[in-house]
Amino acid sequence: MKPVQYYACEICGTVHQTEKAAAACEQFHVLPKKVDRRISKKLWMPYPGAAEMDRYPAEINVEMEDGSVWIYEIGRRYKKNVG
């Protein structure tokens, strides 16, 4: 039996066979810089007694390190992770 060594991207977790490939993967990613909620009364109407999931925005703006801004929208609402 021989040991096998792999390298994982610290951002996405993809496993690579070489350190160079893992480093290239890490350099490829553009990381979030700032997150802002989008206010839309249709999509986000918190009120006293609302369901837990209705307290959170359905869309957020995410400004990336390169200056681009992406809109992330909840496609399906999940319960919060309590573990």
C-alpha atoms as a PDB file:
ATOM      1  CA  MET A   1       0.000   0.000   0.000  1.00  0.00           C
ATOM      2  CA  LYS A   2       1.264   3.481  -0.741  1.00  0.00           C
ATOM      3  CA  PRO A   3       0.087   6.807   0.679  1.00  0.00           C
ATOM      4  CA  VAL A   4      -1.678   9.215  -1.670  1.00  0.00           C
ATOM      5  CA  GLN A   5      -1.466  12.965  -1.241  1.00  0.00           C
ATOM      6  CA  TYR A   6      -4.090  15.377  -2.525  1.00  0.00           C
ATOM      7  CA  TYR A   7      -4.529  19.140  -2.315  1.00  0.00           C
ATOM      8  CA  ALA A   8      -7.859  20.837  -1.693  1.00  0.00           C
ATOM      9  CA  CYS A   9      -8.933  24.352  -2.666  1.00  0.00           C
ATOM     10  CA  GLU A  10      -9.621  26.178   0.600  1.00  0.00           C
ATOM     11  CA  ILE A  11     -12.479  28.112  -1.005  1.00  0.00           C
ATOM     12  CA  CYS A  12     -14.607  25.474  -2.757  1.00  0.00           C
ATOM     13  CA  GLY A  13     -13.126  22.243  -1.420  1.00  0.00           C
ATOM     14  CA  THR A  14     -12.341  20.740  -4.831  1.00  0.00           C
ATOM     15  CA  VAL A  15      -9.594  18.126  -4.523  1.00  0.00           C
ATOM     16  CA  HIS A  16      -6.622  18.346  -6.911  1.00  0.00           C
ATOM     17  CA  GLN A  17      -3.695  16.033  -7.516  1.00  0.00           C
ATOM     18  CA  THR A  18      -1.088  18.815  -7.444  1.00  0.00           C
ATOM     19  CA  GLU A  19      -0.451  21.803  -5.216  1.00  0.00           C
ATOM     20  CA  LYS A  20      -0.159  23.982  -8.325  1.00  0.00           C
ATOM     21  CA  ALA A  21      -3.647  22.986  -9.510  1.00  0.00           C
ATOM     22  CA  ALA A  22      -5.143  23.701  -6.082  1.00  0.00           C
ATOM     23  CA  ALA A  23      -3.428  27.110  -5.972  1.00  0.00           C
ATOM     24  CA  ALA A  24      -4.765  27.920  -9.464  1.00  0.00           C
ATOM     25  CA  CYS A  25      -8.270  26.969  -8.309  1.00  0.00           C
ATOM     26  CA  GLU A  26      -7.986  29.281  -5.292  1.00  0.00           C
ATOM     27  CA  GLN A  27      -6.817  32.143  -7.533  1.00  0.00           C
ATOM     28  CA  PHE A  28      -9.750  31.543  -9.914  1.00  0.00           C
ATOM     29  CA  HIS A  29     -12.430  32.331  -7.321  1.00  0.00           C
ATOM     30  CA  VAL A  30     -13.789  35.856  -6.801  1.00  0.00           C
ATOM     31  CA  LEU A  31     -14.753  36.324  -3.163  1.00  0.00           C
ATOM     32  CA  PRO A  32     -17.583  38.413  -1.695  1.00  0.00           C
ATOM     33  CA  LYS A  33     -16.572  41.797  -0.316  1.00  0.00           C
ATOM     34  CA  LYS A  34     -19.881  43.224   0.900  1.00  0.00           C
ATOM     35  CA  VAL A  35     -23.451  41.959   1.233  1.00  0.00           C
ATOM     36  CA  ASP A  36     -26.514  44.227   1.158  1.00  0.00           C
ATOM     37  CA  ARG A  37     -30.115  43.202   1.406  1.00  0.00           C
ATOM     38  CA  ARG A  38     -32.490  44.215  -1.360  1.00  0.00           C
ATOM     39  CA  ILE A  39     -35.642  45.863  -0.138  1.00  0.00           C
ATOM     40  CA  SER A  40     -38.693  44.698  -2.019  1.00  0.00           C
ATOM     41  CA  LYS A  41     -42.010  44.790  -0.219  1.00  0.00           C
ATOM     42  CA  LYS A  42     -43.283  41.998  -2.453  1.00  0.00           C
ATOM     43  CA  LEU A  43     -40.429  39.707  -1.469  1.00  0.00           C
ATOM     44  CA  TRP A  44     -39.702  40.722   2.102  1.00  0.00           C
ATOM     45  CA  MET A  45     -42.526  41.742   4.377  1.00  0.00           C
ATOM     46  CA  PRO A  46     -41.479  41.203   7.983  1.00  0.00           C
ATOM     47  CA  TYR A  47     -44.257  41.894  10.481  1.00  0.00           C
ATOM     48  CA  PRO A  48     -44.991  40.848  14.052  1.00  0.00           C
ATOM     49  CA  GLY A  49     -46.139  37.238  14.064  1.00  0.00           C
ATOM     50  CA  ALA A  50     -44.696  36.466  10.624  1.00  0.00           C
ATOM     51  CA  ALA A  51     -43.297  33.022   9.975  1.00  0.00           C
ATOM     52  CA  GLU A  52     -39.611  32.682  10.911  1.00  0.00           C
ATOM     53  CA  MET A  53     -38.507  32.531   7.256  1.00  0.00           C
ATOM     54  CA  ASP A  54     -40.367  35.760   6.420  1.00  0.00           C
ATOM     55  CA  ARG A  55     -38.003  37.718   8.674  1.00  0.00           C
ATOM     56  CA  TYR A  56     -35.129  37.361   6.179  1.00  0.00           C
ATOM     57  CA  PRO A  57     -34.671  38.990   2.761  1.00  0.00           C
ATOM     58  CA  ALA A  58     -35.499  36.898  -0.301  1.00  0.00           C
ATOM     59  CA  GLU A  59     -32.753  38.629  -2.322  1.00  0.00           C
ATOM     60  CA  ILE A  60     -29.373  40.112  -1.479  1.00  0.00           C
ATOM     61  CA  ASN A  61     -26.820  42.129  -3.440  1.00  0.00           C
ATOM     62  CA  VAL A  62     -23.291  40.791  -3.129  1.00  0.00           C
ATOM     63  CA  GLU A  63     -20.416  43.071  -4.108  1.00  0.00           C
ATOM     64  CA  MET A  64     -17.404  41.034  -5.145  1.00  0.00           C
ATOM     65  CA  GLU A  65     -13.670  41.754  -4.791  1.00  0.00           C
ATOM     66  CA  ASP A  66     -13.492  42.700  -8.470  1.00  0.00           C
ATOM     67  CA  GLY A  67     -16.217  45.366  -8.082  1.00  0.00           C
ATOM     68  CA  SER A  68     -19.011  43.437  -9.779  1.00  0.00           C
ATOM     69  CA  VAL A  69     -22.356  43.154  -7.980  1.00  0.00           C
ATOM     70  CA  TRP A  70     -24.408  39.957  -8.123  1.00  0.00           C
ATOM     71  CA  ILE A  71     -27.974  39.446  -6.976  1.00  0.00           C
ATOM     72  CA  TYR A  72     -28.586  36.220  -5.073  1.00  0.00           C
ATOM     73  CA  GLU A  73     -32.195  35.140  -4.719  1.00  0.00           C
ATOM     74  CA  ILE A  74     -33.622  32.451  -2.480  1.00  0.00           C
ATOM     75  CA  GLY A  75     -35.011  29.732  -4.729  1.00  0.00           C
ATOM     76  CA  ARG A  76     -36.342  27.690  -1.846  1.00  0.00           C
ATOM     77  CA  ARG A  77     -36.601  28.663   1.765  1.00  0.00           C
ATOM     78  CA  TYR A  78     -35.016  26.417   4.330  1.00  0.00           C
ATOM     79  CA  LYS A  79     -35.061  26.417   8.067  1.00  0.00           C
ATOM     80  CA  LYS A  80     -31.998  27.850   9.731  1.00  0.00           C
ATOM     81  CA  ASN A  81     -29.169  25.514  10.649  1.00  0.00           C
ATOM     82  CA  VAL A  82     -29.335  24.981  14.389  1.00  0.00           C
ATOM     83  CA  GLY A  83     -26.429  22.578  14.647  1.00  0.00           C
END
